[in-house]
Amino acid sequence: MPVLPFATVGEVALWRAMAIRSGAFCVNIGEYVGRAEVLRRIMKRVSTPSRYAVRAAIAASLRQDRAVLPQTAHRLGISARSLQRRLAEMGTTYAELVAEVRLDTACHLLAESDENIADIAARLGFAGASSFSRNFARLMKIQPNVYRRQQSNRTNGAKCGPFARKPAGKRFSGPRND
């Protein structure tokens, strides 16, 4: 029995034992093999993509057109449903990751480029500048043009994200009188 490059000696012995028990015969390689070995040759192993890999695939999709689940899954080499299951195992959803990538990219573009708001909105897949501005303001508690101005005034470059800036609120210097 020829030893395949991806098979260990133990696997070959297991396949041989399975072939004897089940009587399965693989014509392509002229040897008795078990059902598990046939499936192994047909199907490739799917590894779980990391959160970073999924975010990178989403970012690449956003650069080309828009981030849709089947396209991102295809980039990662798995089915859309498998990607959804893997993300659920990680405790997140595809929509949440797209929102994270969009926000991170928006913060970067606002801070590091002179691209206008409408171009950034189009690049990130928003319908228009107003929907982008509303979404950015909802997540960051600050308008995009104000964020850009603040970032250009700062030399240390504050972190971007939903917790980078505390929401504005009244501050009291003394005890409150109710």
N, C-alpha and C. Protein backbone atom coordinates (compact mmCIF):
# COMPACT_ATOMS: atom_id res chain seq x y z
N MET A 1 0.85 -1.17 0.00
CA MET A 1 0.00 0.00 0.00
C MET A 1 0.90 1.24 0.00
N PRO A 2 0.74 2.15 -0.98
CA PRO A 2 1.59 3.33 -1.02
C PRO A 2 1.22 4.29 0.11
N VAL A 3 2.22 4.94 0.67
CA VAL A 3 2.00 5.90 1.74
C VAL A 3 1.82 7.27 1.11
N LEU A 4 0.72 7.91 1.43
CA LEU A 4 0.43 9.23 0.88
C LEU A 4 1.22 10.28 1.65
N PRO A 5 1.57 11.39 0.99
CA PRO A 5 2.41 12.38 1.67
C PRO A 5 1.78 13.01 2.91
N PHE A 6 0.44 13.04 2.98
CA PHE A 6 -0.19 13.65 4.15
C PHE A 6 -0.62 12.63 5.19
N ALA A 7 -0.35 11.37 4.95
CA ALA A 7 -0.79 10.32 5.87
C ALA A 7 0.36 9.88 6.77
N THR A 8 0.05 9.66 8.03
CA THR A 8 1.03 9.11 8.95
C THR A 8 0.93 7.59 8.90
N VAL A 9 1.91 6.92 9.46
CA VAL A 9 1.90 5.46 9.49
C VAL A 9 0.67 4.95 10.22
N GLY A 10 0.32 5.61 11.31
CA GLY A 10 -0.86 5.22 12.08
C GLY A 10 -2.14 5.35 11.28
N GLU A 11 -2.24 6.44 10.49
CA GLU A 11 -3.42 6.63 9.66
C GLU A 11 -3.53 5.54 8.60
N VAL A 12 -2.40 5.18 7.99
CA VAL A 12 -2.41 4.12 6.97
C VAL A 12 -2.87 2.81 7.60
N ALA A 13 -2.39 2.51 8.78
CA ALA A 13 -2.81 1.28 9.47
C ALA A 13 -4.30 1.32 9.78
N LEU A 14 -4.78 2.48 10.21
CA LEU A 14 -6.20 2.63 10.51
C LEU A 14 -7.03 2.45 9.24
N TRP A 15 -6.61 3.05 8.15
CA TRP A 15 -7.34 2.92 6.89
C TRP A 15 -7.36 1.47 6.42
N ARG A 16 -6.22 0.80 6.58
CA ARG A 16 -6.13 -0.60 6.16
C ARG A 16 -7.12 -1.44 6.97
N ALA A 17 -7.17 -1.20 8.29
CA ALA A 17 -8.09 -1.94 9.15
C ALA A 17 -9.54 -1.64 8.79
N MET A 18 -9.81 -0.38 8.49
CA MET A 18 -11.17 0.01 8.11
C MET A 18 -11.56 -0.61 6.77
N ALA A 19 -10.61 -0.66 5.86
CA ALA A 19 -10.88 -1.24 4.54
C ALA A 19 -11.20 -2.72 4.66
N ILE A 20 -10.50 -3.40 5.53
CA ILE A 20 -10.75 -4.83 5.71
C ILE A 20 -12.14 -5.03 6.31
N ARG A 21 -12.50 -4.17 7.32
CA ARG A 21 -13.79 -4.30 7.96
C ARG A 21 -14.94 -3.91 7.04
N SER A 22 -14.80 -2.78 6.34
CA SER A 22 -15.92 -2.27 5.55
C SER A 22 -15.92 -2.75 4.11
N GLY A 23 -14.76 -3.17 3.61
CA GLY A 23 -14.68 -3.63 2.23
C GLY A 23 -14.76 -2.51 1.22
N ALA A 24 -14.50 -1.27 1.64
CA ALA A 24 -14.52 -0.14 0.70
C ALA A 24 -13.29 -0.20 -0.18
N PHE A 25 -13.48 0.12 -1.43
CA PHE A 25 -12.36 0.08 -2.37
C PHE A 25 -12.32 1.40 -3.13
N CYS A 26 -11.16 1.99 -3.20
CA CYS A 26 -10.99 3.25 -3.90
C CYS A 26 -10.28 2.96 -5.22
N VAL A 27 -11.00 3.09 -6.34
CA VAL A 27 -10.47 2.74 -7.64
C VAL A 27 -9.32 3.67 -8.05
N ASN A 28 -9.42 4.95 -7.69
CA ASN A 28 -8.42 5.93 -8.13
C ASN A 28 -7.01 5.58 -7.67
N ILE A 29 -6.88 5.03 -6.50
CA ILE A 29 -5.54 4.74 -6.01
C ILE A 29 -5.30 3.24 -5.87
N GLY A 30 -6.29 2.44 -6.23
CA GLY A 30 -6.11 1.00 -6.27
C GLY A 30 -5.84 0.35 -4.93
N GLU A 31 -6.51 0.82 -3.90
CA GLU A 31 -6.31 0.23 -2.58
C GLU A 31 -7.62 0.25 -1.81
N TYR A 32 -7.70 -0.61 -0.83
CA TYR A 32 -8.85 -0.60 0.04
C TYR A 32 -8.69 0.54 1.03
N VAL A 33 -9.75 1.33 1.17
CA VAL A 33 -9.71 2.42 2.14
C VAL A 33 -11.05 2.48 2.85
N GLY A 34 -11.05 3.11 3.99
CA GLY A 34 -12.27 3.28 4.75
C GLY A 34 -13.01 4.54 4.33
N ARG A 35 -14.23 4.66 4.81
CA ARG A 35 -15.07 5.80 4.50
C ARG A 35 -14.44 7.11 4.97
N ALA A 36 -13.83 7.11 6.14
CA ALA A 36 -13.21 8.32 6.68
C ALA A 36 -12.06 8.79 5.79
N GLU A 37 -11.31 7.84 5.24
CA GLU A 37 -10.18 8.22 4.39
C GLU A 37 -10.66 8.82 3.07
N VAL A 38 -11.75 8.25 2.52
CA VAL A 38 -12.31 8.80 1.29
C VAL A 38 -12.78 10.23 1.53
N LEU A 39 -13.48 10.46 2.64
CA LEU A 39 -13.92 11.81 2.97
C LEU A 39 -12.74 12.74 3.18
N ARG A 40 -11.68 12.26 3.78
CA ARG A 40 -10.51 13.08 4.01
C ARG A 40 -9.88 13.53 2.70
N ARG A 41 -9.86 12.64 1.72
CA ARG A 41 -9.28 12.99 0.43
C ARG A 41 -10.16 13.97 -0.35
N ILE A 42 -11.45 13.85 -0.17
CA ILE A 42 -12.38 14.72 -0.90
C ILE A 42 -12.49 16.09 -0.26
N MET A 43 -12.64 16.12 1.05
CA MET A 43 -12.86 17.37 1.75
C MET A 43 -11.57 17.90 2.35
N LYS A 44 -11.40 19.21 2.30
CA LYS A 44 -10.24 19.80 2.95
C LYS A 44 -10.64 20.21 4.36
N ARG A 45 -9.66 20.27 5.22
CA ARG A 45 -9.90 20.69 6.59
C ARG A 45 -10.20 22.18 6.64
N VAL A 46 -11.20 22.55 7.42
CA VAL A 46 -11.55 23.95 7.59
C VAL A 46 -11.02 24.40 8.94
N SER A 47 -10.17 25.38 8.90
CA SER A 47 -9.67 25.91 10.16
C SER A 47 -10.52 27.12 10.54
N THR A 48 -10.64 27.35 11.80
CA THR A 48 -11.42 28.47 12.28
C THR A 48 -10.64 29.76 12.05
N PRO A 49 -11.22 30.69 11.29
CA PRO A 49 -10.51 31.94 11.07
C PRO A 49 -10.52 32.77 12.35
N SER A 50 -9.46 33.48 12.59
CA SER A 50 -9.38 34.33 13.78
C SER A 50 -10.21 35.58 13.56
N ARG A 51 -10.49 36.27 14.63
CA ARG A 51 -11.22 37.53 14.55
C ARG A 51 -10.46 38.52 13.68
N TYR A 52 -9.14 38.50 13.81
CA TYR A 52 -8.30 39.40 13.01
C TYR A 52 -8.43 39.06 11.52
N ALA A 53 -8.45 37.77 11.18
CA ALA A 53 -8.56 37.36 9.77
C ALA A 53 -9.91 37.78 9.19
N VAL A 54 -10.97 37.64 9.98
CA VAL A 54 -12.30 38.05 9.51
C VAL A 54 -12.34 39.56 9.31
N ARG A 55 -11.78 40.31 10.26
CA ARG A 55 -11.74 41.77 10.12
C ARG A 55 -10.93 42.19 8.90
N ALA A 56 -9.83 41.51 8.63
CA ALA A 56 -9.01 41.83 7.47
C ALA A 56 -9.78 41.54 6.17
N ALA A 57 -10.52 40.45 6.15
CA ALA A 57 -11.32 40.12 4.96
C ALA A 57 -12.44 41.14 4.76
N ILE A 58 -13.04 41.60 5.85
CA ILE A 58 -14.09 42.63 5.77
C ILE A 58 -13.48 43.93 5.24
N ALA A 59 -12.32 44.30 5.76
CA ALA A 59 -11.66 45.53 5.30
C ALA A 59 -11.33 45.45 3.82
N ALA A 60 -10.87 44.29 3.36
CA ALA A 60 -10.56 44.11 1.94
C ALA A 60 -11.84 44.22 1.11
N SER A 61 -12.94 43.67 1.61
CA SER A 61 -14.22 43.76 0.90
C SER A 61 -14.70 45.20 0.82
N LEU A 62 -14.51 45.94 1.91
CA LEU A 62 -14.91 47.35 1.91
C LEU A 62 -14.08 48.16 0.91
N ARG A 63 -12.81 47.83 0.77
CA ARG A 63 -11.96 48.55 -0.18
C ARG A 63 -12.41 48.31 -1.61
N GLN A 64 -12.88 47.11 -1.89
CA GLN A 64 -13.27 46.79 -3.27
C GLN A 64 -14.69 47.23 -3.59
N ASP A 65 -15.61 46.95 -2.73
CA ASP A 65 -17.00 47.32 -3.01
C ASP A 65 -17.74 47.51 -1.69
N ARG A 66 -18.32 46.45 -1.20
CA ARG A 66 -19.01 46.49 0.08
C ARG A 66 -18.86 45.14 0.74
N ALA A 67 -18.97 45.14 2.04
CA ALA A 67 -18.75 43.91 2.80
C ALA A 67 -20.05 43.14 2.94
N VAL A 68 -20.13 42.02 2.24
CA VAL A 68 -21.29 41.14 2.37
C VAL A 68 -20.77 39.78 2.85
N LEU A 69 -21.58 39.11 3.62
CA LEU A 69 -21.18 37.87 4.26
C LEU A 69 -20.66 36.81 3.29
N PRO A 70 -21.37 36.50 2.20
CA PRO A 70 -20.86 35.45 1.30
C PRO A 70 -19.49 35.79 0.69
N GLN A 71 -19.28 37.04 0.36
CA GLN A 71 -17.99 37.46 -0.21
C GLN A 71 -16.86 37.32 0.81
N THR A 72 -17.11 37.72 2.04
CA THR A 72 -16.11 37.59 3.09
C THR A 72 -15.81 36.13 3.38
N ALA A 73 -16.85 35.30 3.44
CA ALA A 73 -16.66 33.88 3.68
C ALA A 73 -15.84 33.25 2.56
N HIS A 74 -16.11 33.64 1.33
CA HIS A 74 -15.35 33.12 0.19
C HIS A 74 -13.88 33.51 0.30
N ARG A 75 -13.61 34.74 0.72
CA ARG A 75 -12.22 35.18 0.92
C ARG A 75 -11.50 34.32 1.96
N LEU A 76 -12.25 33.87 2.96
CA LEU A 76 -11.67 33.06 4.03
C LEU A 76 -11.65 31.57 3.70
N GLY A 77 -12.29 31.19 2.59
CA GLY A 77 -12.28 29.81 2.16
C GLY A 77 -13.25 28.91 2.90
N ILE A 78 -14.32 29.50 3.44
CA ILE A 78 -15.35 28.70 4.12
C ILE A 78 -16.72 29.15 3.63
N SER A 79 -17.75 28.40 3.98
CA SER A 79 -19.10 28.78 3.58
C SER A 79 -19.60 29.91 4.48
N ALA A 80 -20.62 30.61 3.98
CA ALA A 80 -21.20 31.71 4.75
C ALA A 80 -21.77 31.20 6.07
N ARG A 81 -22.43 30.06 6.03
CA ARG A 81 -23.02 29.52 7.26
C ARG A 81 -21.94 29.12 8.27
N SER A 82 -20.84 28.54 7.77
CA SER A 82 -19.73 28.18 8.67
C SER A 82 -19.14 29.42 9.32
N LEU A 83 -19.01 30.49 8.54
CA LEU A 83 -18.50 31.74 9.10
C LEU A 83 -19.43 32.26 10.19
N GLN A 84 -20.73 32.20 9.95
CA GLN A 84 -21.68 32.63 10.97
C GLN A 84 -21.55 31.79 12.24
N ARG A 85 -21.39 30.48 12.08
CA ARG A 85 -21.22 29.61 13.26
C ARG A 85 -19.95 29.95 14.01
N ARG A 86 -18.85 30.15 13.29
CA ARG A 86 -17.57 30.47 13.93
C ARG A 86 -17.65 31.79 14.68
N LEU A 87 -18.31 32.78 14.08
CA LEU A 87 -18.47 34.07 14.75
C LEU A 87 -19.34 33.94 16.00
N ALA A 88 -20.37 33.12 15.92
CA ALA A 88 -21.22 32.88 17.09
C ALA A 88 -20.41 32.23 18.21
N GLU A 89 -19.50 31.31 17.84
CA GLU A 89 -18.62 30.69 18.84
C GLU A 89 -17.72 31.72 19.49
N MET A 90 -17.33 32.74 18.72
CA MET A 90 -16.48 33.82 19.24
C MET A 90 -17.30 34.84 20.04
N GLY A 91 -18.62 34.73 19.99
CA GLY A 91 -19.47 35.65 20.74
C GLY A 91 -19.74 36.95 20.01
N THR A 92 -19.70 36.94 18.70
CA THR A 92 -19.97 38.14 17.93
C THR A 92 -20.78 37.80 16.70
N THR A 93 -21.15 38.81 15.94
CA THR A 93 -21.88 38.60 14.69
C THR A 93 -21.14 39.30 13.57
N TYR A 94 -21.51 38.97 12.35
CA TYR A 94 -20.89 39.58 11.18
C TYR A 94 -21.18 41.09 11.16
N ALA A 95 -22.40 41.46 11.47
CA ALA A 95 -22.77 42.88 11.47
C ALA A 95 -21.95 43.67 12.49
N GLU A 96 -21.69 43.09 13.66
CA GLU A 96 -20.87 43.78 14.66
C GLU A 96 -19.45 43.98 14.17
N LEU A 97 -18.89 42.97 13.52
CA LEU A 97 -17.52 43.11 13.00
C LEU A 97 -17.46 44.14 11.88
N VAL A 98 -18.46 44.16 11.01
CA VAL A 98 -18.49 45.17 9.95
C VAL A 98 -18.55 46.57 10.56
N ALA A 99 -19.37 46.73 11.59
CA ALA A 99 -19.47 48.04 12.26
C ALA A 99 -18.14 48.43 12.88
N GLU A 100 -17.44 47.48 13.50
CA GLU A 100 -16.12 47.77 14.10
C GLU A 100 -15.12 48.20 13.03
N VAL A 101 -15.08 47.46 11.93
CA VAL A 101 -14.12 47.76 10.87
C VAL A 101 -14.44 49.12 10.26
N ARG A 102 -15.72 49.38 10.03
CA ARG A 102 -16.12 50.68 9.48
C ARG A 102 -15.70 51.83 10.40
N LEU A 103 -15.95 51.66 11.69
CA LEU A 103 -15.61 52.72 12.65
C LEU A 103 -14.10 52.92 12.73
N ASP A 104 -13.34 51.85 12.81
CA ASP A 104 -11.89 51.97 12.86
C ASP A 104 -11.34 52.64 11.60
N THR A 105 -11.87 52.22 10.45
CA THR A 105 -11.42 52.81 9.19
C THR A 105 -11.82 54.27 9.11
N ALA A 106 -13.02 54.59 9.55
CA ALA A 106 -13.47 55.99 9.54
C ALA A 106 -12.58 56.85 10.43
N CYS A 107 -12.28 56.37 11.62
CA CYS A 107 -11.41 57.14 12.52
C CYS A 107 -10.04 57.35 11.90
N HIS A 108 -9.51 56.31 11.29
CA HIS A 108 -8.20 56.43 10.65
C HIS A 108 -8.23 57.43 9.50
N LEU A 109 -9.24 57.33 8.66
CA LEU A 109 -9.32 58.23 7.50
C LEU A 109 -9.57 59.67 7.93
N LEU A 110 -10.38 59.87 8.95
CA LEU A 110 -10.64 61.22 9.43
C LEU A 110 -9.38 61.84 10.04
N ALA A 111 -8.62 61.04 10.76
CA ALA A 111 -7.43 61.56 11.43
C ALA A 111 -6.23 61.70 10.51
N GLU A 112 -6.10 60.78 9.55
CA GLU A 112 -4.86 60.72 8.76
C GLU A 112 -4.98 61.25 7.33
N SER A 113 -6.19 61.54 6.85
CA SER A 113 -6.32 61.99 5.47
C SER A 113 -7.13 63.28 5.39
N ASP A 114 -7.07 63.88 4.24
CA ASP A 114 -7.86 65.08 3.99
C ASP A 114 -9.08 64.78 3.13
N GLU A 115 -9.40 63.50 3.00
CA GLU A 115 -10.54 63.07 2.20
C GLU A 115 -11.81 63.66 2.79
N ASN A 116 -12.73 64.13 1.93
CA ASN A 116 -13.94 64.73 2.48
C ASN A 116 -14.88 63.65 3.01
N ILE A 117 -15.84 64.08 3.81
CA ILE A 117 -16.75 63.18 4.51
C ILE A 117 -17.55 62.32 3.53
N ALA A 118 -17.99 62.91 2.43
CA ALA A 118 -18.79 62.17 1.45
C ALA A 118 -17.98 61.03 0.83
N ASP A 119 -16.70 61.27 0.55
CA ASP A 119 -15.86 60.23 -0.03
C ASP A 119 -15.60 59.11 0.98
N ILE A 120 -15.39 59.48 2.22
CA ILE A 120 -15.20 58.47 3.27
C ILE A 120 -16.47 57.63 3.43
N ALA A 121 -17.62 58.30 3.41
CA ALA A 121 -18.90 57.58 3.53
C ALA A 121 -19.07 56.59 2.39
N ALA A 122 -18.78 57.02 1.18
CA ALA A 122 -18.92 56.13 0.01
C ALA A 122 -17.93 54.97 0.11
N ARG A 123 -16.73 55.26 0.54
CA ARG A 123 -15.69 54.23 0.66
C ARG A 123 -16.07 53.16 1.67
N LEU A 124 -16.80 53.54 2.70
CA LEU A 124 -17.19 52.61 3.76
C LEU A 124 -18.54 51.95 3.51
N GLY A 125 -19.17 52.28 2.38
CA GLY A 125 -20.41 51.62 2.02
C GLY A 125 -21.67 52.25 2.58
N PHE A 126 -21.60 53.49 3.01
CA PHE A 126 -22.79 54.18 3.50
C PHE A 126 -23.54 54.78 2.32
N ALA A 127 -24.84 54.99 2.48
CA ALA A 127 -25.67 55.54 1.40
C ALA A 127 -25.29 56.99 1.09
N GLY A 128 -24.84 57.70 2.09
CA GLY A 128 -24.46 59.09 1.89
C GLY A 128 -23.72 59.64 3.09
N ALA A 129 -23.30 60.90 2.95
CA ALA A 129 -22.55 61.54 4.03
C ALA A 129 -23.40 61.71 5.28
N SER A 130 -24.69 61.95 5.10
CA SER A 130 -25.54 62.17 6.28
C SER A 130 -25.71 60.88 7.09
N SER A 131 -25.90 59.76 6.40
CA SER A 131 -26.05 58.49 7.15
C SER A 131 -24.73 58.12 7.83
N PHE A 132 -23.61 58.40 7.17
CA PHE A 132 -22.31 58.16 7.80
C PHE A 132 -22.14 59.04 9.04
N SER A 133 -22.47 60.32 8.90
CA SER A 133 -22.32 61.24 10.03
C SER A 133 -23.20 60.85 11.21
N ARG A 134 -24.43 60.45 10.93
CA ARG A 134 -25.33 60.02 12.02
C ARG A 134 -24.78 58.78 12.71
N ASN A 135 -24.32 57.82 11.92
CA ASN A 135 -23.77 56.59 12.50
C ASN A 135 -22.52 56.88 13.31
N PHE A 136 -21.62 57.67 12.78
CA PHE A 136 -20.38 58.02 13.48
C PHE A 136 -20.70 58.75 14.79
N ALA A 137 -21.63 59.72 14.72
CA ALA A 137 -22.00 60.48 15.92
C ALA A 137 -22.67 59.58 16.97
N ARG A 138 -23.46 58.62 16.53
CA ARG A 138 -24.12 57.70 17.46
C ARG A 138 -23.10 56.84 18.20
N LEU A 139 -22.07 56.38 17.47
CA LEU A 139 -21.08 55.50 18.07
C LEU A 139 -20.02 56.25 18.86
N MET A 140 -19.58 57.38 18.35
CA MET A 140 -18.47 58.11 18.96
C MET A 140 -18.90 59.27 19.84
N LYS A 141 -20.18 59.63 19.78
CA LYS A 141 -20.71 60.77 20.56
C LYS A 141 -20.07 62.09 20.14
N ILE A 142 -19.66 62.17 18.88
CA ILE A 142 -19.05 63.39 18.35
C ILE A 142 -19.21 63.37 16.83
N GLN A 143 -19.40 64.53 16.24
CA GLN A 143 -19.55 64.61 14.78
C GLN A 143 -18.20 64.35 14.10
N PRO A 144 -18.22 63.78 12.89
CA PRO A 144 -16.97 63.45 12.20
C PRO A 144 -16.06 64.66 11.95
N ASN A 145 -16.64 65.79 11.57
CA ASN A 145 -15.80 66.97 11.32
C ASN A 145 -15.16 67.50 12.61
N VAL A 146 -15.86 67.39 13.72
CA VAL A 146 -15.29 67.80 15.01
C VAL A 146 -14.18 66.81 15.42
N TYR A 147 -14.43 65.53 15.20
CA TYR A 147 -13.40 64.52 15.49
C TYR A 147 -12.14 64.78 14.69
N ARG A 148 -12.29 65.09 13.41
CA ARG A 148 -11.14 65.38 12.55
C ARG A 148 -10.37 66.59 13.07
N ARG A 149 -11.10 67.62 13.45
CA ARG A 149 -10.45 68.83 13.97
C ARG A 149 -9.68 68.52 15.26
N GLN A 150 -10.29 67.73 16.15
CA GLN A 150 -9.62 67.37 17.40
C GLN A 150 -8.36 66.55 17.13
N GLN A 151 -8.45 65.62 16.19
CA GLN A 151 -7.30 64.77 15.89
C GLN A 151 -6.17 65.56 15.26
N SER A 152 -6.51 66.56 14.46
CA SER A 152 -5.45 67.37 13.85
C SER A 152 -4.79 68.27 14.89
N ASN A 153 -5.50 68.61 15.96
CA ASN A 153 -4.93 69.44 17.03
C ASN A 153 -4.08 68.64 18.01
N ARG A 154 -4.31 67.34 18.09
CA ARG A 154 -3.58 66.49 19.02
C ARG A 154 -2.28 66.02 18.40
N THR A 155 -1.28 65.93 19.21
CA THR A 155 0.00 65.42 18.71
C THR A 155 0.21 63.96 19.11
N ASN A 156 -0.47 63.53 20.17
CA ASN A 156 -0.27 62.16 20.64
C ASN A 156 -1.19 61.16 19.96
N GLY A 157 -2.21 61.59 19.23
CA GLY A 157 -3.08 60.66 18.51
C GLY A 157 -3.88 59.77 19.42
N ALA A 158 -5.01 60.22 19.90
CA ALA A 158 -5.85 59.43 20.81
C ALA A 158 -6.39 58.20 20.11
N LYS A 159 -6.68 57.20 20.89
CA LYS A 159 -7.23 55.96 20.33
C LYS A 159 -8.63 56.20 19.81
N CYS A 160 -8.98 55.41 18.82
CA CYS A 160 -10.30 55.49 18.22
C CYS A 160 -11.13 54.31 18.68
N GLY A 161 -12.39 54.51 18.79
CA GLY A 161 -13.29 53.43 19.16
C GLY A 161 -14.42 53.99 19.99
N PRO A 162 -15.39 53.17 20.28
CA PRO A 162 -16.55 53.67 21.00
C PRO A 162 -16.25 54.13 22.42
N PHE A 163 -15.11 53.72 22.99
CA PHE A 163 -14.80 54.12 24.36
C PHE A 163 -13.64 55.10 24.41
N ALA A 164 -13.25 55.63 23.26
CA ALA A 164 -12.11 56.54 23.23
C ALA A 164 -12.45 57.89 23.85
N ARG A 165 -13.69 58.27 23.79
CA ARG A 165 -14.10 59.56 24.33
C ARG A 165 -15.33 59.33 25.19
N LYS A 166 -15.33 59.90 26.37
CA LYS A 166 -16.48 59.74 27.24
C LYS A 166 -17.60 60.64 26.73
N PRO A 167 -18.84 60.17 26.84
CA PRO A 167 -19.95 61.00 26.39
C PRO A 167 -20.02 62.30 27.17
N ALA A 168 -20.41 63.35 26.46
CA ALA A 168 -20.51 64.66 27.10
C ALA A 168 -21.66 64.63 28.10
N GLY A 169 -21.47 65.31 29.19
CA GLY A 169 -22.51 65.38 30.22
C GLY A 169 -22.21 66.54 31.15
N LYS A 170 -23.19 66.90 31.95
CA LYS A 170 -22.99 68.00 32.88
C LYS A 170 -22.07 67.56 34.01
N ARG A 171 -21.20 68.44 34.35
CA ARG A 171 -20.29 68.17 35.47
C ARG A 171 -20.63 69.16 36.58
N PHE A 172 -20.75 68.64 37.75
CA PHE A 172 -21.09 69.48 38.89
C PHE A 172 -19.87 69.64 39.78
N SER A 173 -19.61 70.86 40.17
CA SER A 173 -18.46 71.10 41.04
C SER A 173 -18.78 70.83 42.50
N GLY A 174 -20.02 70.87 42.83
CA GLY A 174 -20.39 70.64 44.22
C GLY A 174 -21.51 69.63 44.32
N PRO A 175 -22.04 69.46 45.52
CA PRO A 175 -23.13 68.49 45.69
C PRO A 175 -24.39 68.96 44.95
N ARG A 176 -25.12 67.99 44.47
CA ARG A 176 -26.36 68.32 43.75
C ARG A 176 -27.49 68.62 44.72
N ASN A 177 -28.27 69.58 44.37
CA ASN A 177 -29.46 69.89 45.15
C ASN A 177 -30.68 69.43 44.36
N ASP A 178 -31.35 68.44 44.86
CA ASP A 178 -32.53 67.91 44.14
C ASP A 178 -33.80 68.54 44.62
